[in-house]
PDB file of N, CA and C in Angstrom:
ATOM      1  N   MET A   1      20.745  -7.638   1.609  1.00  0.00           N
ATOM      2  CA  MET A   1      20.611  -8.715   0.643  1.00  0.00           C
ATOM      3  C   MET A   1      19.138  -9.086   0.453  1.00  0.00           C
ATOM      4  N   GLN A   2      18.376  -9.095   1.558  1.00  0.00           N
ATOM      5  CA  GLN A   2      16.965  -9.460   1.474  1.00  0.00           C
ATOM      6  C   GLN A   2      16.186  -8.440   0.640  1.00  0.00           C
ATOM      7  N   ILE A   3      16.563  -7.176   0.722  1.00  0.00           N
ATOM      8  CA  ILE A   3      15.887  -6.151  -0.071  1.00  0.00           C
ATOM      9  C   ILE A   3      16.148  -6.384  -1.555  1.00  0.00           C
ATOM     10  N   LEU A   4      17.360  -6.754  -1.899  1.00  0.00           N
ATOM     11  CA  LEU A   4      17.684  -7.045  -3.292  1.00  0.00           C
ATOM     12  C   LEU A   4      16.884  -8.246  -3.799  1.00  0.00           C
ATOM     13  N   ILE A   5      16.779  -9.278  -2.986  1.00  0.00           N
ATOM     14  CA  ILE A   5      15.993 -10.456  -3.373  1.00  0.00           C
ATOM     15  C   ILE A   5      14.529 -10.075  -3.546  1.00  0.00           C
ATOM     16  N   ARG A   6      13.991  -9.296  -2.616  1.00  0.00           N
ATOM     17  CA  ARG A   6      12.601  -8.843  -2.753  1.00  0.00           C
ATOM     18  C   ARG A   6      12.403  -8.061  -4.043  1.00  0.00           C
ATOM     19  N   PHE A   7      13.347  -7.200  -4.346  1.00  0.00           N
ATOM     20  CA  PHE A   7      13.257  -6.385  -5.548  1.00  0.00           C
ATOM     21  C   PHE A   7      13.261  -7.267  -6.796  1.00  0.00           C
ATOM     22  N   LEU A   8      14.192  -8.202  -6.866  1.00  0.00           N
ATOM     23  CA  LEU A   8      14.310  -9.045  -8.051  1.00  0.00           C
ATOM     24  C   LEU A   8      13.136 -10.011  -8.197  1.00  0.00           C
ATOM     25  N   VAL A   9      12.814 -10.712  -7.129  1.00  0.00           N
ATOM     26  CA  VAL A   9      11.707 -11.673  -7.188  1.00  0.00           C
ATOM     27  C   VAL A   9      10.391 -10.944  -7.401  1.00  0.00           C
ATOM     28  N   GLY A  10      10.163  -9.895  -6.648  1.00  0.00           N
ATOM     29  CA  GLY A  10       8.922  -9.129  -6.797  1.00  0.00           C
ATOM     30  C   GLY A  10       8.776  -8.556  -8.189  1.00  0.00           C
ATOM     31  N   GLY A  11       9.860  -7.996  -8.740  1.00  0.00           N
ATOM     32  CA  GLY A  11       9.803  -7.434 -10.089  1.00  0.00           C
ATOM     33  C   GLY A  11       9.526  -8.488 -11.136  1.00  0.00           C
ATOM     34  N   ALA A  12      10.161  -9.644 -11.006  1.00  0.00           N
ATOM     35  CA  ALA A  12       9.945 -10.723 -11.974  1.00  0.00           C
ATOM     36  C   ALA A  12       8.517 -11.241 -11.909  1.00  0.00           C
ATOM     37  N   VAL A  13       8.006 -11.430 -10.700  1.00  0.00           N
ATOM     38  CA  VAL A  13       6.653 -11.966 -10.566  1.00  0.00           C
ATOM     39  C   VAL A  13       5.617 -10.926 -10.981  1.00  0.00           C
ATOM     40  N   VAL A  14       5.817  -9.659 -10.657  1.00  0.00           N
ATOM     41  CA  VAL A  14       4.911  -8.603 -11.101  1.00  0.00           C
ATOM     42  C   VAL A  14       4.888  -8.554 -12.627  1.00  0.00           C
ATOM     43  N   SER A  15       6.043  -8.649 -13.246  1.00  0.00           N
ATOM     44  CA  SER A  15       6.115  -8.636 -14.709  1.00  0.00           C
ATOM     45  C   SER A  15       5.379  -9.829 -15.305  1.00  0.00           C
ATOM     46  N   PHE A  16       5.555 -11.007 -14.713  1.00  0.00           N
ATOM     47  CA  PHE A  16       4.854 -12.191 -15.198  1.00  0.00           C
ATOM     48  C   PHE A  16       3.344 -12.010 -15.135  1.00  0.00           C
ATOM     49  N   PHE A  17       2.848 -11.551 -13.993  1.00  0.00           N
ATOM     50  CA  PHE A  17       1.403 -11.375 -13.854  1.00  0.00           C
ATOM     51  C   PHE A  17       0.882 -10.242 -14.734  1.00  0.00           C
ATOM     52  N   ALA A  18       1.698  -9.218 -14.982  1.00  0.00           N
ATOM     53  CA  ALA A  18       1.274  -8.138 -15.878  1.00  0.00           C
ATOM     54  C   ALA A  18       1.126  -8.667 -17.303  1.00  0.00           C
ATOM     55  N   VAL A  19       2.059  -9.503 -17.741  1.00  0.00           N
ATOM     56  CA  VAL A  19       1.948 -10.106 -19.073  1.00  0.00           C
ATOM     57  C   VAL A  19       0.733 -11.024 -19.133  1.00  0.00           C
ATOM     58  N   LEU A  20       0.524 -11.817 -18.092  1.00  0.00           N
ATOM     59  CA  LEU A  20      -0.648 -12.697 -18.037  1.00  0.00           C
ATOM     60  C   LEU A  20      -1.940 -11.886 -18.111  1.00  0.00           C
ATOM     61  N   GLY A  21      -2.011 -10.809 -17.342  1.00  0.00           N
ATOM     62  CA  GLY A  21      -3.194  -9.962 -17.374  1.00  0.00           C
ATOM     63  C   GLY A  21      -3.402  -9.294 -18.716  1.00  0.00           C
ATOM     64  N   ASP A  22      -2.326  -8.982 -19.397  1.00  0.00           N
ATOM     65  CA  ASP A  22      -2.417  -8.345 -20.710  1.00  0.00           C
ATOM     66  C   ASP A  22      -2.930  -9.320 -21.769  1.00  0.00           C
ATOM     67  N   LEU A  23      -2.671 -10.607 -21.579  1.00  0.00           N
ATOM     68  CA  LEU A  23      -3.118 -11.617 -22.536  1.00  0.00           C
ATOM     69  C   LEU A  23      -4.592 -11.967 -22.376  1.00  0.00           C
ATOM     70  N   LEU A  24      -5.145 -11.751 -21.185  1.00  0.00           N
ATOM     71  CA  LEU A  24      -6.530 -12.138 -20.913  1.00  0.00           C
ATOM     72  C   LEU A  24      -7.509 -11.087 -21.411  1.00  0.00           C
ATOM     73  N   LYS A  25      -8.718 -11.539 -21.660  1.00  0.00           N
ATOM     74  CA  LYS A  25      -9.816 -10.636 -22.019  1.00  0.00           C
ATOM     75  C   LYS A  25     -10.824 -10.686 -20.884  1.00  0.00           C
ATOM     76  N   PRO A  26     -11.446  -9.662 -20.458  1.00  0.00           N
ATOM     77  CA  PRO A  26     -11.262  -8.270 -20.828  1.00  0.00           C
ATOM     78  C   PRO A  26      -9.986  -7.703 -20.203  1.00  0.00           C
ATOM     79  N   LYS A  27      -9.583  -6.577 -20.707  1.00  0.00           N
ATOM     80  CA  LYS A  27      -8.338  -5.954 -20.260  1.00  0.00           C
ATOM     81  C   LYS A  27      -8.397  -5.498 -18.804  1.00  0.00           C
ATOM     82  N   SER A  28      -9.577  -5.442 -18.225  1.00  0.00           N
ATOM     83  CA  SER A  28      -9.685  -5.029 -16.823  1.00  0.00           C
ATOM     84  C   SER A  28      -9.021  -6.034 -15.888  1.00  0.00           C
ATOM     85  N   PHE A  29      -8.750  -7.247 -16.361  1.00  0.00           N
ATOM     86  CA  PHE A  29      -8.054  -8.226 -15.539  1.00  0.00           C
ATOM     87  C   PHE A  29      -6.586  -7.873 -15.338  1.00  0.00           C
ATOM     88  N   ALA A  30      -6.043  -7.020 -16.197  1.00  0.00           N
ATOM     89  CA  ALA A  30      -4.624  -6.692 -16.114  1.00  0.00           C
ATOM     90  C   ALA A  30      -4.265  -6.123 -14.750  1.00  0.00           C
ATOM     91  N   GLY A  31      -5.066  -5.227 -14.218  1.00  0.00           N
ATOM     92  CA  GLY A  31      -4.804  -4.656 -12.905  1.00  0.00           C
ATOM     93  C   GLY A  31      -4.929  -5.677 -11.792  1.00  0.00           C
ATOM     94  N   LEU A  32      -5.870  -6.586 -11.958  1.00  0.00           N
ATOM     95  CA  LEU A  32      -6.082  -7.629 -10.957  1.00  0.00           C
ATOM     96  C   LEU A  32      -4.852  -8.511 -10.809  1.00  0.00           C
ATOM     97  N   PHE A  33      -4.234  -8.844 -11.943  1.00  0.00           N
ATOM     98  CA  PHE A  33      -3.079  -9.721 -11.903  1.00  0.00           C
ATOM     99  C   PHE A  33      -1.769  -8.960 -11.754  1.00  0.00           C
ATOM    100  N   GLY A  34      -1.819  -7.640 -11.755  1.00  0.00           N
ATOM    101  CA  GLY A  34      -0.602  -6.853 -11.768  1.00  0.00           C
ATOM    102  C   GLY A  34       0.165  -6.812 -10.469  1.00  0.00           C
ATOM    103  N   ALA A  35      -0.487  -6.788  -9.329  1.00  0.00           N
ATOM    104  CA  ALA A  35       0.252  -6.528  -8.107  1.00  0.00           C
ATOM    105  C   ALA A  35       0.018  -7.550  -6.999  1.00  0.00           C
ATOM    106  N   ALA A  36      -1.209  -7.724  -6.575  1.00  0.00           N
ATOM    107  CA  ALA A  36      -1.479  -8.489  -5.362  1.00  0.00           C
ATOM    108  C   ALA A  36      -0.920  -9.910  -5.380  1.00  0.00           C
ATOM    109  N   PRO A  37      -1.166 -10.711  -6.394  1.00  0.00           N
ATOM    110  CA  PRO A  37      -0.623 -12.078  -6.337  1.00  0.00           C
ATOM    111  C   PRO A  37       0.896 -12.106  -6.328  1.00  0.00           C
ATOM    112  N   SER A  38       1.504 -11.219  -7.074  1.00  0.00           N
ATOM    113  CA  SER A  38       2.962 -11.243  -7.151  1.00  0.00           C
ATOM    114  C   SER A  38       3.602 -10.810  -5.851  1.00  0.00           C
ATOM    115  N   VAL A  39       3.056  -9.807  -5.214  1.00  0.00           N
ATOM    116  CA  VAL A  39       3.601  -9.353  -3.938  1.00  0.00           C
ATOM    117  C   VAL A  39       3.402 -10.435  -2.875  1.00  0.00           C
ATOM    118  N   ALA A  40       2.234 -11.070  -2.891  1.00  0.00           N
ATOM    119  CA  ALA A  40       1.971 -12.134  -1.918  1.00  0.00           C
ATOM    120  C   ALA A  40       2.932 -13.306  -2.116  1.00  0.00           C
ATOM    121  N   LEU A  41       3.156 -13.706  -3.354  1.00  0.00           N
ATOM    122  CA  LEU A  41       4.066 -14.826  -3.614  1.00  0.00           C
ATOM    123  C   LEU A  41       5.497 -14.492  -3.219  1.00  0.00           C
ATOM    124  N   ALA A  42       5.941 -13.296  -3.536  1.00  0.00           N
ATOM    125  CA  ALA A  42       7.299 -12.899  -3.157  1.00  0.00           C
ATOM    126  C   ALA A  42       7.444 -12.855  -1.646  1.00  0.00           C
ATOM    127  N   THR A  43       6.456 -12.310  -0.966  1.00  0.00           N
ATOM    128  CA  THR A  43       6.494 -12.235   0.491  1.00  0.00           C
ATOM    129  C   THR A  43       6.506 -13.623   1.115  1.00  0.00           C
ATOM    130  N   LEU A  44       5.659 -14.513   0.628  1.00  0.00           N
ATOM    131  CA  LEU A  44       5.619 -15.865   1.182  1.00  0.00           C
ATOM    132  C   LEU A  44       6.921 -16.628   0.915  1.00  0.00           C
ATOM    133  N   GLY A  45       7.485 -16.440  -0.261  1.00  0.00           N
ATOM    134  CA  GLY A  45       8.751 -17.106  -0.563  1.00  0.00           C
ATOM    135  C   GLY A  45       9.866 -16.657   0.359  1.00  0.00           C
ATOM    136  N   LEU A  46       9.965 -15.358   0.571  1.00  0.00           N
ATOM    137  CA  LEU A  46      11.000 -14.848   1.475  1.00  0.00           C
ATOM    138  C   LEU A  46      10.730 -15.240   2.921  1.00  0.00           C
ATOM    139  N   THR A  47       9.472 -15.272   3.298  1.00  0.00           N
ATOM    140  CA  THR A  47       9.136 -15.678   4.663  1.00  0.00           C
ATOM    141  C   THR A  47       9.508 -17.135   4.894  1.00  0.00           C
ATOM    142  N   MET A  48       9.238 -17.986   3.915  1.00  0.00           N
ATOM    143  CA  MET A  48       9.627 -19.397   4.056  1.00  0.00           C
ATOM    144  C   MET A  48      11.138 -19.526   4.195  1.00  0.00           C
ATOM    145  N   ALA A  49      11.870 -18.738   3.426  1.00  0.00           N
ATOM    146  CA  ALA A  49      13.328 -18.837   3.464  1.00  0.00           C
ATOM    147  C   ALA A  49      13.916 -18.313   4.769  1.00  0.00           C
ATOM    148  N   THR A  50      13.294 -17.283   5.348  1.00  0.00           N
ATOM    149  CA  THR A  50      13.886 -16.664   6.538  1.00  0.00           C
ATOM    150  C   THR A  50      13.252 -17.100   7.849  1.00  0.00           C
ATOM    151  N   GLU A  51      11.950 -17.359   7.840  1.00  0.00           N
ATOM    152  CA  GLU A  51      11.247 -17.643   9.101  1.00  0.00           C
ATOM    153  C   GLU A  51      10.784 -19.089   9.236  1.00  0.00           C
ATOM    154  N   GLY A  52      10.743 -19.819   8.140  1.00  0.00           N
ATOM    155  CA  GLY A  52      10.309 -21.211   8.200  1.00  0.00           C
ATOM    156  C   GLY A  52       8.892 -21.403   7.688  1.00  0.00           C
ATOM    157  N   MET A  53       8.557 -22.677   7.496  1.00  0.00           N
ATOM    158  CA  MET A  53       7.271 -23.040   6.891  1.00  0.00           C
ATOM    159  C   MET A  53       6.080 -22.713   7.788  1.00  0.00           C
ATOM    160  N   ALA A  54       6.210 -22.905   9.086  1.00  0.00           N
ATOM    161  CA  ALA A  54       5.073 -22.680   9.984  1.00  0.00           C
ATOM    162  C   ALA A  54       4.655 -21.210   9.979  1.00  0.00           C
ATOM    163  N   TYR A  55       5.625 -20.328  10.055  1.00  0.00           N
ATOM    164  CA  TYR A  55       5.330 -18.898  10.051  1.00  0.00           C
ATOM    165  C   TYR A  55       4.762 -18.464   8.702  1.00  0.00           C
ATOM    166  N   ALA A  56       5.310 -19.012   7.620  1.00  0.00           N
ATOM    167  CA  ALA A  56       4.802 -18.690   6.283  1.00  0.00           C
ATOM    168  C   ALA A  56       3.376 -19.192   6.122  1.00  0.00           C
ATOM    169  N   GLY A  57       3.070 -20.341   6.708  1.00  0.00           N
ATOM    170  CA  GLY A  57       1.700 -20.855   6.664  1.00  0.00           C
ATOM    171  C   GLY A  57       0.730 -19.932   7.371  1.00  0.00           C
ATOM    172  N   LEU A  58       1.131 -19.432   8.537  1.00  0.00           N
ATOM    173  CA  LEU A  58       0.297 -18.489   9.273  1.00  0.00           C
ATOM    174  C   LEU A  58       0.114 -17.203   8.475  1.00  0.00           C
ATOM    175  N   GLU A  59       1.187 -16.739   7.851  1.00  0.00           N
ATOM    176  CA  GLU A  59       1.101 -15.527   7.043  1.00  0.00           C
ATOM    177  C   GLU A  59       0.200 -15.736   5.823  1.00  0.00           C
ATOM    178  N   GLY A  60       0.281 -16.910   5.205  1.00  0.00           N
ATOM    179  CA  GLY A  60      -0.576 -17.227   4.069  1.00  0.00           C
ATOM    180  C   GLY A  60      -2.046 -17.266   4.451  1.00  0.00           C
ATOM    181  N   ARG A  61      -2.346 -17.879   5.596  1.00  0.00           N
ATOM    182  CA  ARG A  61      -3.742 -17.891   6.074  1.00  0.00           C
ATOM    183  C   ARG A  61      -4.218 -16.483   6.377  1.00  0.00           C
ATOM    184  N   SER A  62      -3.355 -15.660   6.923  1.00  0.00           N
ATOM    185  CA  SER A  62      -3.720 -14.267   7.191  1.00  0.00           C
ATOM    186  C   SER A  62      -4.032 -13.527   5.900  1.00  0.00           C
ATOM    187  N   MET A  63      -3.260 -13.796   4.854  1.00  0.00           N
ATOM    188  CA  MET A  63      -3.523 -13.157   3.562  1.00  0.00           C
ATOM    189  C   MET A  63      -4.872 -13.582   3.003  1.00  0.00           C
ATOM    190  N   ILE A  64      -5.200 -14.859   3.135  1.00  0.00           N
ATOM    191  CA  ILE A  64      -6.482 -15.361   2.634  1.00  0.00           C
ATOM    192  C   ILE A  64      -7.635 -14.723   3.394  1.00  0.00           C
ATOM    193  N   LEU A  65      -7.514 -14.647   4.706  1.00  0.00           N
ATOM    194  CA  LEU A  65      -8.598 -14.054   5.497  1.00  0.00           C
ATOM    195  C   LEU A  65      -8.710 -12.552   5.245  1.00  0.00           C
ATOM    196  N   GLY A  66      -7.599 -11.879   5.007  1.00  0.00           N
ATOM    197  CA  GLY A  66      -7.652 -10.470   4.624  1.00  0.00           C
ATOM    198  C   GLY A  66      -8.352 -10.280   3.288  1.00  0.00           C
ATOM    199  N   ALA A  67      -8.130 -11.226   2.359  1.00  0.00           N
ATOM    200  CA  ALA A  67      -8.807 -11.167   1.066  1.00  0.00           C
ATOM    201  C   ALA A  67     -10.307 -11.388   1.222  1.00  0.00           C
ATOM    202  N   VAL A  68     -10.694 -12.267   2.124  1.00  0.00           N
ATOM    203  CA  VAL A  68     -12.128 -12.472   2.392  1.00  0.00           C
ATOM    204  C   VAL A  68     -12.740 -11.185   2.942  1.00  0.00           C
ATOM    205  N   ALA A  69     -12.047 -10.538   3.863  1.00  0.00           N
ATOM    206  CA  ALA A  69     -12.543  -9.268   4.411  1.00  0.00           C
ATOM    207  C   ALA A  69     -12.639  -8.213   3.317  1.00  0.00           C
ATOM    208  N   PHE A  70     -11.665  -8.174   2.403  1.00  0.00           N
ATOM    209  CA  PHE A  70     -11.722  -7.223   1.296  1.00  0.00           C
ATOM    210  C   PHE A  70     -12.888  -7.535   0.367  1.00  0.00           C
ATOM    211  N   LEU A  71     -13.178  -8.820   0.155  1.00  0.00           N
ATOM    212  CA  LEU A  71     -14.313  -9.211  -0.677  1.00  0.00           C
ATOM    213  C   LEU A  71     -15.616  -8.685  -0.079  1.00  0.00           C
ATOM    214  N   VAL A  72     -15.769  -8.805   1.227  1.00  0.00           N
ATOM    215  CA  VAL A  72     -16.964  -8.276   1.897  1.00  0.00           C
ATOM    216  C   VAL A  72     -17.031  -6.756   1.725  1.00  0.00           C
ATOM    217  N   TYR A  73     -15.914  -6.084   1.906  1.00  0.00           N
ATOM    218  CA  TYR A  73     -15.834  -4.631   1.725  1.00  0.00           C
ATOM    219  C   TYR A  73     -16.227  -4.228   0.307  1.00  0.00           C
ATOM    220  N   ALA A  74     -15.624  -4.893  -0.688  1.00  0.00           N
ATOM    221  CA  ALA A  74     -15.896  -4.549  -2.086  1.00  0.00           C
ATOM    222  C   ALA A  74     -17.346  -4.839  -2.455  1.00  0.00           C
ATOM    223  N   TRP A  75     -17.894  -5.940  -1.977  1.00  0.00           N
ATOM    224  CA  TRP A  75     -19.290  -6.282  -2.247  1.00  0.00           C
ATOM    225  C   TRP A  75     -20.208  -5.213  -1.660  1.00  0.00           C
ATOM    226  N   MET A  76     -19.968  -4.827  -0.409  1.00  0.00           N
ATOM    227  CA  MET A  76     -20.816  -3.835   0.248  1.00  0.00           C
ATOM    228  C   MET A  76     -20.753  -2.491  -0.484  1.00  0.00           C
ATOM    229  N   VAL A  77     -19.559  -2.032  -0.785  1.00  0.00           N
ATOM    230  CA  VAL A  77     -19.409  -0.733  -1.444  1.00  0.00           C
ATOM    231  C   VAL A  77     -20.053  -0.755  -2.826  1.00  0.00           C
ATOM    232  N   SER A  78     -19.839  -1.826  -3.591  1.00  0.00           N
ATOM    233  CA  SER A  78     -20.416  -1.868  -4.938  1.00  0.00           C
ATOM    234  C   SER A  78     -21.931  -1.949  -4.898  1.00  0.00           C
ATOM    235  N   ARG A  79     -22.492  -2.699  -3.958  1.00  0.00           N
ATOM    236  CA  ARG A  79     -23.965  -2.781  -3.853  1.00  0.00           C
ATOM    237  C   ARG A  79     -24.568  -1.422  -3.514  1.00  0.00           C
ATOM    238  N   ILE A  80     -23.977  -0.736  -2.569  1.00  0.00           N
ATOM    239  CA  ILE A  80     -24.511   0.569  -2.180  1.00  0.00           C
ATOM    240  C   ILE A  80     -24.346   1.577  -3.315  1.00  0.00           C
ATOM    241  N   MET A  81     -23.207   1.537  -4.001  1.00  0.00           N
ATOM    242  CA  MET A  81     -22.992   2.477  -5.106  1.00  0.00           C
ATOM    243  C   MET A  81     -23.945   2.216  -6.267  1.00  0.00           C
ATOM    244  N   MET A  82     -24.271   0.964  -6.528  1.00  0.00           N
ATOM    245  CA  MET A  82     -25.168   0.647  -7.631  1.00  0.00           C
ATOM    246  C   MET A  82     -26.620   0.973  -7.312  1.00  0.00           C
ATOM    247  N   HIS A  83     -27.004   0.880  -6.052  1.00  0.00           N
ATOM    248  CA  HIS A  83     -28.417   1.042  -5.696  1.00  0.00           C
ATOM    249  C   HIS A  83     -28.728   2.309  -4.925  1.00  0.00           C
ATOM    250  N   GLY A  84     -27.730   3.055  -4.579  1.00  0.00           N
ATOM    251  CA  GLY A  84     -27.975   4.254  -3.786  1.00  0.00           C
ATOM    252  C   GLY A  84     -27.299   5.465  -4.380  1.00  0.00           C
ATOM    253  N   ARG A  85     -27.448   6.542  -3.692  1.00  0.00           N
ATOM    254  CA  ARG A  85     -26.828   7.780  -4.138  1.00  0.00           C
ATOM    255  C   ARG A  85     -25.786   8.221  -3.114  1.00  0.00           C
ATOM    256  N   ALA A  86     -24.911   7.320  -2.778  1.00  0.00           N
ATOM    257  CA  ALA A  86     -23.867   7.625  -1.808  1.00  0.00           C
ATOM    258  C   ALA A  86     -22.651   8.211  -2.524  1.00  0.00           C
ATOM    259  N   ARG A  87     -21.951   9.083  -1.839  1.00  0.00           N
ATOM    260  CA  ARG A  87     -20.711   9.641  -2.392  1.00  0.00           C
ATOM    261  C   ARG A  87     -19.595   8.623  -2.190  1.00  0.00           C
ATOM    262  N   ALA A  88     -18.835   8.395  -3.234  1.00  0.00           N
ATOM    263  CA  ALA A  88     -17.819   7.342  -3.227  1.00  0.00           C
ATOM    264  C   ALA A  88     -16.778   7.554  -2.134  1.00  0.00           C
ATOM    265  N   LYS A  89     -16.339   8.780  -1.947  1.00  0.00           N
ATOM    266  CA  LYS A  89     -15.291   9.050  -0.961  1.00  0.00           C
ATOM    267  C   LYS A  89     -15.741   8.652   0.439  1.00  0.00           C
ATOM    268  N   TRP A  90     -16.932   9.055   0.824  1.00  0.00           N
ATOM    269  CA  TRP A  90     -17.393   8.770   2.181  1.00  0.00           C
ATOM    270  C   TRP A  90     -17.788   7.305   2.342  1.00  0.00           C
ATOM    271  N   LEU A  91     -18.327   6.728   1.291  1.00  0.00           N
ATOM    272  CA  LEU A  91     -18.703   5.319   1.366  1.00  0.00           C
ATOM    273  C   LEU A  91     -17.479   4.422   1.496  1.00  0.00           C
ATOM    274  N   THR A  92     -16.456   4.699   0.726  1.00  0.00           N
ATOM    275  CA  THR A  92     -15.256   3.862   0.829  1.00  0.00           C
ATOM    276  C   THR A  92     -14.555   4.050   2.168  1.00  0.00           C
ATOM    277  N   LEU A  93     -14.563   5.255   2.683  1.00  0.00           N
ATOM    278  CA  LEU A  93     -13.977   5.467   4.016  1.00  0.00           C
ATOM    279  C   LEU A  93     -14.769   4.733   5.096  1.00  0.00           C
ATOM    280  N   ALA A  94     -16.097   4.802   5.006  1.00  0.00           N
ATOM    281  CA  ALA A  94     -16.926   4.078   5.969  1.00  0.00           C
ATOM    282  C   ALA A  94     -16.774   2.572   5.782  1.00  0.00           C
ATOM    283  N   GLY A  95     -16.590   2.144   4.538  1.00  0.00           N
ATOM    284  CA  GLY A  95     -16.403   0.727   4.269  1.00  0.00           C
ATOM    285  C   GLY A  95     -15.133   0.171   4.885  1.00  0.00           C
ATOM    286  N   LEU A  96     -14.138   1.019   5.101  1.00  0.00           N
ATOM    287  CA  LEU A  96     -12.921   0.555   5.762  1.00  0.00           C
ATOM    288  C   LEU A  96     -13.211   0.041   7.171  1.00  0.00           C
ATOM    289  N   ALA A  97     -14.196   0.638   7.825  1.00  0.00           N
ATOM    290  CA  ALA A  97     -14.592   0.138   9.151  1.00  0.00           C
ATOM    291  C   ALA A  97     -15.155  -1.275   9.027  1.00  0.00           C
ATOM    292  N   VAL A  98     -15.888  -1.530   7.948  1.00  0.00           N
ATOM    293  CA  VAL A  98     -16.423  -2.877   7.704  1.00  0.00           C
ATOM    294  C   VAL A  98     -15.270  -3.846   7.466  1.00  0.00           C
ATOM    295  N   TRP A  99     -14.316  -3.446   6.625  1.00  0.00           N
ATOM    296  CA  TRP A  99     -13.173  -4.311   6.367  1.00  0.00           C
ATOM    297  C   TRP A  99     -12.438  -4.628   7.672  1.00  0.00           C
ATOM    298  N   PHE A 100     -12.200  -3.596   8.465  1.00  0.00           N
ATOM    299  CA  PHE A 100     -11.503  -3.760   9.739  1.00  0.00           C
ATOM    300  C   PHE A 100     -12.259  -4.731  10.652  1.00  0.00           C
ATOM    301  N   ALA A 101     -13.570  -4.553  10.769  1.00  0.00           N
ATOM    302  CA  ALA A 101     -14.371  -5.420  11.640  1.00  0.00           C
ATOM    303  C   ALA A 101     -14.351  -6.862  11.154  1.00  0.00           C
ATOM    304  N   VAL A 102     -14.501  -7.067   9.854  1.00  0.00           N
ATOM    305  CA  VAL A 102     -14.502  -8.433   9.326  1.00  0.00           C
ATOM    306  C   VAL A 102     -13.113  -9.066   9.478  1.00  0.00           C
ATOM    307  N   ALA A 103     -12.070  -8.338   9.114  1.00  0.00           N
ATOM    308  CA  ALA A 103     -10.720  -8.894   9.186  1.00  0.00           C
ATOM    309  C   ALA A 103     -10.342  -9.262  10.616  1.00  0.00           C
ATOM    310  N   PHE A 104     -10.581  -8.370  11.546  1.00  0.00           N
ATOM    311  CA  PHE A 104     -10.194  -8.668  12.919  1.00  0.00           C
ATOM    312  C   PHE A 104     -11.172  -9.603  13.602  1.00  0.00           C
ATOM    313  N   GLY A 105     -12.413  -9.639  13.137  1.00  0.00           N
ATOM    314  CA  GLY A 105     -13.353 -10.637  13.635  1.00  0.00           C
ATOM    315  C   GLY A 105     -12.930 -12.045  13.230  1.00  0.00           C
ATOM    316  N   ILE A 106     -12.540 -12.202  11.972  1.00  0.00           N
ATOM    317  CA  ILE A 106     -12.056 -13.500  11.508  1.00  0.00           C
ATOM    318  C   ILE A 106     -10.774 -13.875  12.252  1.00  0.00           C
ATOM    319  N   TRP A 107      -9.899 -12.905  12.455  1.00  0.00           N
ATOM    320  CA  TRP A 107      -8.658 -13.178  13.180  1.00  0.00           C
ATOM    321  C   TRP A 107      -8.953 -13.641  14.605  1.00  0.00           C
ATOM    322  N   ALA A 108      -9.890 -12.965  15.270  1.00  0.00           N
ATOM    323  CA  ALA A 108     -10.206 -13.307  16.654  1.00  0.00           C
ATOM    324  C   ALA A 108     -10.789 -14.714  16.765  1.00  0.00           C
ATOM    325  N   VAL A 109     -11.537 -15.117  15.768  1.00  0.00           N
ATOM    326  CA  VAL A 109     -12.159 -16.443  15.812  1.00  0.00           C
ATOM    327  C   VAL A 109     -11.214 -17.535  15.314  1.00  0.00           C
ATOM    328  N   GLY A 110     -10.475 -17.241  14.233  1.00  0.00           N
ATOM    329  CA  GLY A 110      -9.755 -18.326  13.586  1.00  0.00           C
ATOM    330  C   GLY A 110      -8.253 -18.357  13.712  1.00  0.00           C
ATOM    331  N   LEU A 111      -7.602 -17.217  13.892  1.00  0.00           N
ATOM    332  CA  LEU A 111      -6.138 -17.215  13.840  1.00  0.00           C
ATOM    333  C   LEU A 111      -5.454 -16.843  15.138  1.00  0.00           C
ATOM    334  N   ARG A 112      -6.167 -16.289  16.056  1.00  0.00           N
ATOM    335  CA  ARG A 112      -5.524 -15.856  17.291  1.00  0.00           C
ATOM    336  C   ARG A 112      -4.938 -17.060  18.006  1.00  0.00           C
ATOM    337  N   ALA A 113      -3.713 -16.915  18.434  1.00  0.00           N
ATOM    338  CA  ALA A 113      -3.027 -18.040  19.089  1.00  0.00           C
ATOM    339  C   ALA A 113      -3.362 -18.142  20.546  1.00  0.00           C
TER     340      ALA A 113
END
């Protein structure tokens, strides 16, 4: 039953954000609104229903801190790509180590119980 709910809620929210992204200018926003917010909202809604508010709050904070780590990763990769002659494949793979370090560093300082 939970899989069916995930499918329906996730599909509806993905569709909503895809339409929202399609209405905005520039069109590059469409991908931004297409998946991540809708999956996060569906996951948090189901977590609240099955695990309770406290667990959903912890999961929500984890999502925010993961997004901060991704922001650091994306900033680093884009700066190096714009100013250097690095190969994208190797730079993005190396950047994953940065994402991992930032994400788990934030977790160790702020979320570890």
